[in-house]
Amino acid sequence: MKSASVIACILYFPMLIFSGATLPFEVMPVAMQ
């Protein structure tokens, strides 16, 4: 569970924050997009 939790956090937070699910995709810098 510990290794799964680490991998899940590494995947979850970047996708949740930067995929457009929370912050609008359009306001992000072009390089980040």
PDB file of all heavy atoms in Angstrom:
ATOM      1  N   MET A   1       0.823  -1.207   0.000  1.00  0.00           N
ATOM      2  CA  MET A   1       0.000   0.000   0.000  1.00  0.00           C
ATOM      3  C   MET A   1       0.861   1.263   0.000  1.00  0.00           C
ATOM      4  O   MET A   1       0.486   2.286  -0.580  1.00  0.00           O
ATOM      5  CB  MET A   1      -0.925  -0.009   1.208  1.00  0.00           C
ATOM      6  CG  MET A   1      -2.050   1.004   1.122  1.00  0.00           C
ATOM      7  SD  MET A   1      -3.224   0.808   2.473  1.00  0.00           S
ATOM      8  CE  MET A   1      -4.341   2.166   2.112  1.00  0.00           C
ATOM      9  N   LYS A   2       2.026   1.199   0.662  1.00  0.00           N
ATOM     10  CA  LYS A   2       2.897   2.370   0.729  1.00  0.00           C
ATOM     11  C   LYS A   2       3.407   2.761  -0.652  1.00  0.00           C
ATOM     12  O   LYS A   2       3.355   3.939  -1.034  1.00  0.00           O
ATOM     13  CB  LYS A   2       4.080   2.086   1.659  1.00  0.00           C
ATOM     14  CG  LYS A   2       4.992   3.286   1.864  1.00  0.00           C
ATOM     15  CD  LYS A   2       6.114   2.967   2.849  1.00  0.00           C
ATOM     16  CE  LYS A   2       7.017   4.176   3.034  1.00  0.00           C
ATOM     17  NZ  LYS A   2       8.114   3.891   4.003  1.00  0.00           N
ATOM     18  N   SER A   3       3.894   1.776  -1.411  1.00  0.00           N
ATOM     19  CA  SER A   3       4.399   2.075  -2.755  1.00  0.00           C
ATOM     20  C   SER A   3       3.270   2.508  -3.681  1.00  0.00           C
ATOM     21  O   SER A   3       3.429   3.412  -4.506  1.00  0.00           O
ATOM     22  CB  SER A   3       5.127   0.855  -3.328  1.00  0.00           C
ATOM     23  OG  SER A   3       4.256  -0.257  -3.431  1.00  0.00           O
ATOM     24  N   ALA A   4       2.087   1.891  -3.523  1.00  0.00           N
ATOM     25  CA  ALA A   4       0.937   2.281  -4.339  1.00  0.00           C
ATOM     26  C   ALA A   4       0.520   3.714  -4.019  1.00  0.00           C
ATOM     27  O   ALA A   4       0.156   4.483  -4.917  1.00  0.00           O
ATOM     28  CB  ALA A   4      -0.228   1.332  -4.100  1.00  0.00           C
ATOM     29  N   SER A   5       0.584   4.070  -2.735  1.00  0.00           N
ATOM     30  CA  SER A   5       0.211   5.420  -2.316  1.00  0.00           C
ATOM     31  C   SER A   5       1.149   6.467  -2.902  1.00  0.00           C
ATOM     32  O   SER A   5       0.705   7.522  -3.360  1.00  0.00           O
ATOM     33  CB  SER A   5       0.222   5.507  -0.790  1.00  0.00           C
ATOM     34  OG  SER A   5      -0.144   6.788  -0.354  1.00  0.00           O
ATOM     35  N   VAL A   6       2.442   6.166  -2.918  1.00  0.00           N
ATOM     36  CA  VAL A   6       3.432   7.096  -3.473  1.00  0.00           C
ATOM     37  C   VAL A   6       3.193   7.293  -4.968  1.00  0.00           C
ATOM     38  O   VAL A   6       3.147   8.423  -5.471  1.00  0.00           O
ATOM     39  CB  VAL A   6       4.867   6.587  -3.221  1.00  0.00           C
ATOM     40  CG1 VAL A   6       5.880   7.435  -3.990  1.00  0.00           C
ATOM     41  CG2 VAL A   6       5.187   6.604  -1.740  1.00  0.00           C
ATOM     42  N   ILE A   7       3.011   6.181  -5.689  1.00  0.00           N
ATOM     43  CA  ILE A   7       2.781   6.259  -7.135  1.00  0.00           C
ATOM     44  C   ILE A   7       1.474   6.989  -7.427  1.00  0.00           C
ATOM     45  O   ILE A   7       1.392   7.819  -8.332  1.00  0.00           O
ATOM     46  CB  ILE A   7       2.748   4.845  -7.759  1.00  0.00           C
ATOM     47  CG1 ILE A   7       4.103   4.149  -7.580  1.00  0.00           C
ATOM     48  CG2 ILE A   7       2.407   4.923  -9.247  1.00  0.00           C
ATOM     49  CD1 ILE A   7       4.087   2.682  -7.943  1.00  0.00           C
ATOM     50  N   ALA A   8       0.432   6.673  -6.635  1.00  0.00           N
ATOM     51  CA  ALA A   8      -0.878   7.298  -6.828  1.00  0.00           C
ATOM     52  C   ALA A   8      -0.800   8.808  -6.631  1.00  0.00           C
ATOM     53  O   ALA A   8      -1.388   9.577  -7.406  1.00  0.00           O
ATOM     54  CB  ALA A   8      -1.896   6.691  -5.868  1.00  0.00           C
ATOM     55  N   CYS A   9      -0.065   9.251  -5.610  1.00  0.00           N
ATOM     56  CA  CYS A   9       0.069  10.693  -5.350  1.00  0.00           C
ATOM     57  C   CYS A   9       0.829  11.387  -6.478  1.00  0.00           C
ATOM     58  O   CYS A   9       0.471  12.501  -6.876  1.00  0.00           O
ATOM     59  CB  CYS A   9       0.783  10.923  -4.016  1.00  0.00           C
ATOM     60  SG  CYS A   9      -0.236  10.550  -2.569  1.00  0.00           S
ATOM     61  N   ILE A  10       1.870  10.720  -6.979  1.00  0.00           N
ATOM     62  CA  ILE A  10       2.655  11.285  -8.082  1.00  0.00           C
ATOM     63  C   ILE A  10       1.789  11.467  -9.324  1.00  0.00           C
ATOM     64  O   ILE A  10       1.931  12.442 -10.070  1.00  0.00           O
ATOM     65  CB  ILE A  10       3.870  10.390  -8.395  1.00  0.00           C
ATOM     66  CG1 ILE A  10       4.877  10.442  -7.236  1.00  0.00           C
ATOM     67  CG2 ILE A  10       4.549  10.811  -9.699  1.00  0.00           C
ATOM     68  CD1 ILE A  10       6.012   9.457  -7.371  1.00  0.00           C
ATOM     69  N   LEU A  11       0.855  10.558  -9.537  1.00  0.00           N
ATOM     70  CA  LEU A  11      -0.039  10.647 -10.689  1.00  0.00           C
ATOM     71  C   LEU A  11      -1.231  11.565 -10.420  1.00  0.00           C
ATOM     72  O   LEU A  11      -1.624  12.361 -11.278  1.00  0.00           O
ATOM     73  CB  LEU A  11      -0.559   9.250 -11.052  1.00  0.00           C
ATOM     74  CG  LEU A  11       0.462   8.248 -11.585  1.00  0.00           C
ATOM     75  CD1 LEU A  11      -0.177   6.869 -11.697  1.00  0.00           C
ATOM     76  CD2 LEU A  11       1.001   8.684 -12.940  1.00  0.00           C
ATOM     77  N   TYR A  12      -1.796  11.455  -9.220  1.00  0.00           N
ATOM     78  CA  TYR A  12      -3.057  12.134  -8.908  1.00  0.00           C
ATOM     79  C   TYR A  12      -2.938  13.653  -8.899  1.00  0.00           C
ATOM     80  O   TYR A  12      -3.697  14.345  -9.601  1.00  0.00           O
ATOM     81  CB  TYR A  12      -3.568  11.639  -7.550  1.00  0.00           C
ATOM     82  CG  TYR A  12      -4.807  12.339  -7.043  1.00  0.00           C
ATOM     83  CD1 TYR A  12      -6.052  12.112  -7.631  1.00  0.00           C
ATOM     84  CD2 TYR A  12      -4.735  13.230  -5.973  1.00  0.00           C
ATOM     85  CE1 TYR A  12      -7.189  12.743  -7.162  1.00  0.00           C
ATOM     86  CE2 TYR A  12      -5.875  13.860  -5.494  1.00  0.00           C
ATOM     87  CZ  TYR A  12      -7.096  13.615  -6.085  1.00  0.00           C
ATOM     88  OH  TYR A  12      -8.223  14.249  -5.625  1.00  0.00           O
ATOM     89  N   PHE A  13      -2.011  14.184  -8.136  1.00  0.00           N
ATOM     90  CA  PHE A  13      -1.973  15.639  -7.953  1.00  0.00           C
ATOM     91  C   PHE A  13      -1.587  16.397  -9.231  1.00  0.00           C
ATOM     92  O   PHE A  13      -2.225  17.407  -9.548  1.00  0.00           O
ATOM     93  CB  PHE A  13      -1.063  15.992  -6.779  1.00  0.00           C
ATOM     94  CG  PHE A  13      -1.658  15.608  -5.447  1.00  0.00           C
ATOM     95  CD1 PHE A  13      -1.176  14.514  -4.748  1.00  0.00           C
ATOM     96  CD2 PHE A  13      -2.724  16.317  -4.919  1.00  0.00           C
ATOM     97  CE1 PHE A  13      -1.734  14.142  -3.530  1.00  0.00           C
ATOM     98  CE2 PHE A  13      -3.297  15.956  -3.708  1.00  0.00           C
ATOM     99  CZ  PHE A  13      -2.795  14.861  -3.002  1.00  0.00           C
ATOM    100  N   PRO A  14      -0.576  15.966  -9.983  1.00  0.00           N
ATOM    101  CA  PRO A  14      -0.310  16.680 -11.248  1.00  0.00           C
ATOM    102  C   PRO A  14      -1.482  16.633 -12.218  1.00  0.00           C
ATOM    103  O   PRO A  14      -1.803  17.636 -12.862  1.00  0.00           O
ATOM    104  CB  PRO A  14       0.910  15.938 -11.816  1.00  0.00           C
ATOM    105  CG  PRO A  14       1.574  15.344 -10.632  1.00  0.00           C
ATOM    106  CD  PRO A  14       0.463  14.954  -9.714  1.00  0.00           C
ATOM    107  N   MET A  15      -2.140  15.462 -12.321  1.00  0.00           N
ATOM    108  CA  MET A  15      -3.273  15.355 -13.240  1.00  0.00           C
ATOM    109  C   MET A  15      -4.460  16.181 -12.759  1.00  0.00           C
ATOM    110  O   MET A  15      -5.139  16.843 -13.557  1.00  0.00           O
ATOM    111  CB  MET A  15      -3.684  13.895 -13.428  1.00  0.00           C
ATOM    112  CG  MET A  15      -2.752  13.104 -14.319  1.00  0.00           C
ATOM    113  SD  MET A  15      -3.583  11.672 -15.040  1.00  0.00           S
ATOM    114  CE  MET A  15      -2.179  10.752 -15.664  1.00  0.00           C
ATOM    115  N   LEU A  16      -4.725  16.159 -11.455  1.00  0.00           N
ATOM    116  CA  LEU A  16      -5.856  16.905 -10.916  1.00  0.00           C
ATOM    117  C   LEU A  16      -5.660  18.409 -11.089  1.00  0.00           C
ATOM    118  O   LEU A  16      -6.582  19.129 -11.462  1.00  0.00           O
ATOM    119  CB  LEU A  16      -6.042  16.586  -9.431  1.00  0.00           C
ATOM    120  CG  LEU A  16      -7.212  17.277  -8.723  1.00  0.00           C
ATOM    121  CD1 LEU A  16      -8.541  16.771  -9.272  1.00  0.00           C
ATOM    122  CD2 LEU A  16      -7.140  17.074  -7.215  1.00  0.00           C
ATOM    123  N   ILE A  17      -4.435  18.882 -10.849  1.00  0.00           N
ATOM    124  CA  ILE A  17      -4.170  20.321 -10.869  1.00  0.00           C
ATOM    125  C   ILE A  17      -3.938  20.843 -12.287  1.00  0.00           C
ATOM    126  O   ILE A  17      -4.464  21.885 -12.678  1.00  0.00           O
ATOM    127  CB  ILE A  17      -2.952  20.650  -9.975  1.00  0.00           C
ATOM    128  CG1 ILE A  17      -3.269  20.307  -8.513  1.00  0.00           C
ATOM    129  CG2 ILE A  17      -2.582  22.130 -10.091  1.00  0.00           C
ATOM    130  CD1 ILE A  17      -2.077  20.382  -7.590  1.00  0.00           C
ATOM    131  N   PHE A  18      -3.142  20.101 -13.087  1.00  0.00           N
ATOM    132  CA  PHE A  18      -2.676  20.655 -14.353  1.00  0.00           C
ATOM    133  C   PHE A  18      -3.406  20.142 -15.599  1.00  0.00           C
ATOM    134  O   PHE A  18      -3.160  20.635 -16.699  1.00  0.00           O
ATOM    135  CB  PHE A  18      -1.171  20.390 -14.515  1.00  0.00           C
ATOM    136  CG  PHE A  18      -0.335  21.024 -13.444  1.00  0.00           C
ATOM    137  CD1 PHE A  18       0.366  20.248 -12.537  1.00  0.00           C
ATOM    138  CD2 PHE A  18      -0.261  22.402 -13.327  1.00  0.00           C
ATOM    139  CE1 PHE A  18       1.139  20.827 -11.539  1.00  0.00           C
ATOM    140  CE2 PHE A  18       0.505  22.996 -12.330  1.00  0.00           C
ATOM    141  CZ  PHE A  18       1.207  22.204 -11.428  1.00  0.00           C
ATOM    142  N   SER A  19      -4.276  19.152 -15.445  1.00  0.00           N
ATOM    143  CA  SER A  19      -4.940  18.605 -16.635  1.00  0.00           C
ATOM    144  C   SER A  19      -6.115  19.467 -17.096  1.00  0.00           C
ATOM    145  O   SER A  19      -6.630  19.267 -18.183  1.00  0.00           O
ATOM    146  CB  SER A  19      -5.447  17.185 -16.342  1.00  0.00           C
ATOM    147  OG  SER A  19      -6.456  17.219 -15.358  1.00  0.00           O
ATOM    148  N   GLY A  20      -6.538  20.398 -16.233  1.00  0.00           N
ATOM    149  CA  GLY A  20      -7.719  21.198 -16.534  1.00  0.00           C
ATOM    150  C   GLY A  20      -8.891  20.854 -15.651  1.00  0.00           C
ATOM    151  O   GLY A  20      -9.958  21.476 -15.753  1.00  0.00           O
ATOM    152  N   ALA A  21      -8.725  19.863 -14.763  1.00  0.00           N
ATOM    153  CA  ALA A  21      -9.815  19.466 -13.867  1.00  0.00           C
ATOM    154  C   ALA A  21     -10.072  20.514 -12.794  1.00  0.00           C
ATOM    155  O   ALA A  21     -11.182  20.628 -12.281  1.00  0.00           O
ATOM    156  CB  ALA A  21      -9.499  18.126 -13.209  1.00  0.00           C
ATOM    157  N   THR A  22      -9.032  21.280 -12.425  1.00  0.00           N
ATOM    158  CA  THR A  22      -9.202  22.350 -11.436  1.00  0.00           C
ATOM    159  C   THR A  22      -8.819  23.708 -12.037  1.00  0.00           C
ATOM    160  O   THR A  22      -9.650  24.589 -12.158  1.00  0.00           O
ATOM    161  CB  THR A  22      -8.360  22.059 -10.178  1.00  0.00           C
ATOM    162  OG1 THR A  22      -7.014  21.754 -10.568  1.00  0.00           O
ATOM    163  CG2 THR A  22      -8.933  20.901  -9.395  1.00  0.00           C
ATOM    164  N   LEU A  23      -7.549  23.862 -12.439  1.00  0.00           N
ATOM    165  CA  LEU A  23      -7.125  25.094 -13.096  1.00  0.00           C
ATOM    166  C   LEU A  23      -7.484  25.031 -14.575  1.00  0.00           C
ATOM    167  O   LEU A  23      -7.244  24.009 -15.223  1.00  0.00           O
ATOM    168  CB  LEU A  23      -5.607  25.285 -12.948  1.00  0.00           C
ATOM    169  CG  LEU A  23      -5.070  25.507 -11.529  1.00  0.00           C
ATOM    170  CD1 LEU A  23      -3.548  25.565 -11.567  1.00  0.00           C
ATOM    171  CD2 LEU A  23      -5.640  26.768 -10.919  1.00  0.00           C
ATOM    172  N   PRO A  24      -8.053  26.084 -15.146  1.00  0.00           N
ATOM    173  CA  PRO A  24      -8.373  26.076 -16.581  1.00  0.00           C
ATOM    174  C   PRO A  24      -7.126  25.870 -17.431  1.00  0.00           C
ATOM    175  O   PRO A  24      -6.103  26.516 -17.204  1.00  0.00           O
ATOM    176  CB  PRO A  24      -8.987  27.465 -16.808  1.00  0.00           C
ATOM    177  CG  PRO A  24      -9.474  27.901 -15.469  1.00  0.00           C
ATOM    178  CD  PRO A  24      -8.518  27.325 -14.479  1.00  0.00           C
ATOM    179  N   PHE A  25      -7.222  24.991 -18.386  1.00  0.00           N
ATOM    180  CA  PHE A  25      -6.088  24.680 -19.267  1.00  0.00           C
ATOM    181  C   PHE A  25      -5.626  25.925 -20.018  1.00  0.00           C
ATOM    182  O   PHE A  25      -4.426  26.130 -20.235  1.00  0.00           O
ATOM    183  CB  PHE A  25      -6.535  23.595 -20.262  1.00  0.00           C
ATOM    184  CG  PHE A  25      -5.481  23.209 -21.263  1.00  0.00           C
ATOM    185  CD1 PHE A  25      -4.486  22.311 -20.944  1.00  0.00           C
ATOM    186  CD2 PHE A  25      -5.495  23.740 -22.559  1.00  0.00           C
ATOM    187  CE1 PHE A  25      -3.513  21.947 -21.869  1.00  0.00           C
ATOM    188  CE2 PHE A  25      -4.540  23.390 -23.482  1.00  0.00           C
ATOM    189  CZ  PHE A  25      -3.546  22.488 -23.138  1.00  0.00           C
ATOM    190  N   GLU A  26      -6.559  26.791 -20.387  1.00  0.00           N
ATOM    191  CA  GLU A  26      -6.247  27.935 -21.238  1.00  0.00           C
ATOM    192  C   GLU A  26      -5.388  28.994 -20.547  1.00  0.00           C
ATOM    193  O   GLU A  26      -4.714  29.783 -21.216  1.00  0.00           O
ATOM    194  CB  GLU A  26      -7.551  28.594 -21.717  1.00  0.00           C
ATOM    195  CG  GLU A  26      -8.364  27.746 -22.684  1.00  0.00           C
ATOM    196  CD  GLU A  26      -9.136  26.622 -22.012  1.00  0.00           C
ATOM    197  OE1 GLU A  26      -9.237  26.632 -20.755  1.00  0.00           O
ATOM    198  OE2 GLU A  26      -9.626  25.730 -22.722  1.00  0.00           O
ATOM    199  N   VAL A  27      -5.408  29.054 -19.201  1.00  0.00           N
ATOM    200  CA  VAL A  27      -4.642  30.088 -18.492  1.00  0.00           C
ATOM    201  C   VAL A  27      -3.197  29.671 -18.239  1.00  0.00           C
ATOM    202  O   VAL A  27      -2.400  30.481 -17.753  1.00  0.00           O
ATOM    203  CB  VAL A  27      -5.316  30.448 -17.144  1.00  0.00           C
ATOM    204  CG1 VAL A  27      -6.746  30.872 -17.356  1.00  0.00           C
ATOM    205  CG2 VAL A  27      -5.238  29.290 -16.157  1.00  0.00           C
ATOM    206  N   MET A  28      -2.867  28.446 -18.552  1.00  0.00           N
ATOM    207  CA  MET A  28      -1.512  27.960 -18.306  1.00  0.00           C
ATOM    208  C   MET A  28      -0.561  28.431 -19.402  1.00  0.00           C
ATOM    209  O   MET A  28      -0.980  28.647 -20.548  1.00  0.00           O
ATOM    210  CB  MET A  28      -1.503  26.430 -18.225  1.00  0.00           C
ATOM    211  CG  MET A  28      -2.345  25.878 -17.095  1.00  0.00           C
ATOM    212  SD  MET A  28      -2.360  24.074 -17.062  1.00  0.00           S
ATOM    213  CE  MET A  28      -3.697  23.782 -15.903  1.00  0.00           C
ATOM    214  N   PRO A  29       0.733  28.590 -19.087  1.00  0.00           N
ATOM    215  CA  PRO A  29       1.717  28.981 -20.103  1.00  0.00           C
ATOM    216  C   PRO A  29       1.755  27.991 -21.258  1.00  0.00           C
ATOM    217  O   PRO A  29       1.482  26.791 -21.065  1.00  0.00           O
ATOM    218  CB  PRO A  29       3.046  28.974 -19.326  1.00  0.00           C
ATOM    219  CG  PRO A  29       2.654  29.123 -17.901  1.00  0.00           C
ATOM    220  CD  PRO A  29       1.328  28.445 -17.751  1.00  0.00           C
ATOM    221  N   VAL A  30       2.094  28.476 -22.436  1.00  0.00           N
ATOM    222  CA  VAL A  30       2.101  27.630 -23.640  1.00  0.00           C
ATOM    223  C   VAL A  30       3.038  26.440 -23.468  1.00  0.00           C
ATOM    224  O   VAL A  30       2.718  25.311 -23.865  1.00  0.00           O
ATOM    225  CB  VAL A  30       2.510  28.470 -24.875  1.00  0.00           C
ATOM    226  CG1 VAL A  30       2.626  27.575 -26.104  1.00  0.00           C
ATOM    227  CG2 VAL A  30       1.497  29.576 -25.126  1.00  0.00           C
ATOM    228  N   ALA A  31       4.206  26.681 -22.868  1.00  0.00           N
ATOM    229  CA  ALA A  31       5.176  25.590 -22.665  1.00  0.00           C
ATOM    230  C   ALA A  31       4.591  24.499 -21.778  1.00  0.00           C
ATOM    231  O   ALA A  31       4.774  23.301 -22.043  1.00  0.00           O
ATOM    232  CB  ALA A  31       6.461  26.145 -22.052  1.00  0.00           C
ATOM    233  N   MET A  32       3.869  24.903 -20.726  1.00  0.00           N
ATOM    234  CA  MET A  32       3.245  23.929 -19.830  1.00  0.00           C
ATOM    235  C   MET A  32       2.121  23.188 -20.540  1.00  0.00           C
ATOM    236  O   MET A  32       1.929  21.984 -20.335  1.00  0.00           O
ATOM    237  CB  MET A  32       2.724  24.625 -18.577  1.00  0.00           C
ATOM    238  CG  MET A  32       2.127  23.668 -17.547  1.00  0.00           C
ATOM    239  SD  MET A  32       1.558  24.511 -16.059  1.00  0.00           S
ATOM    240  CE  MET A  32       3.145  24.925 -15.324  1.00  0.00           C
ATOM    241  N   GLN A  33       1.368  23.886 -21.378  1.00  0.00           N
ATOM    242  CA  GLN A  33       0.283  23.244 -22.113  1.00  0.00           C
ATOM    243  C   GLN A  33       0.807  22.107 -22.986  1.00  0.00           C
ATOM    244  O   GLN A  33       0.173  21.055 -23.097  1.00  0.00           O
ATOM    245  CB  GLN A  33      -0.449  24.274 -22.986  1.00  0.00           C
ATOM    246  CG  GLN A  33      -1.300  25.255 -22.213  1.00  0.00           C
ATOM    247  CD  GLN A  33      -2.050  26.211 -23.121  1.00  0.00           C
ATOM    248  OE1 GLN A  33      -2.071  26.052 -24.336  1.00  0.00           O
ATOM    249  NE2 GLN A  33      -2.670  27.231 -22.546  1.00  0.00           N
TER     250      GLN A  33
END
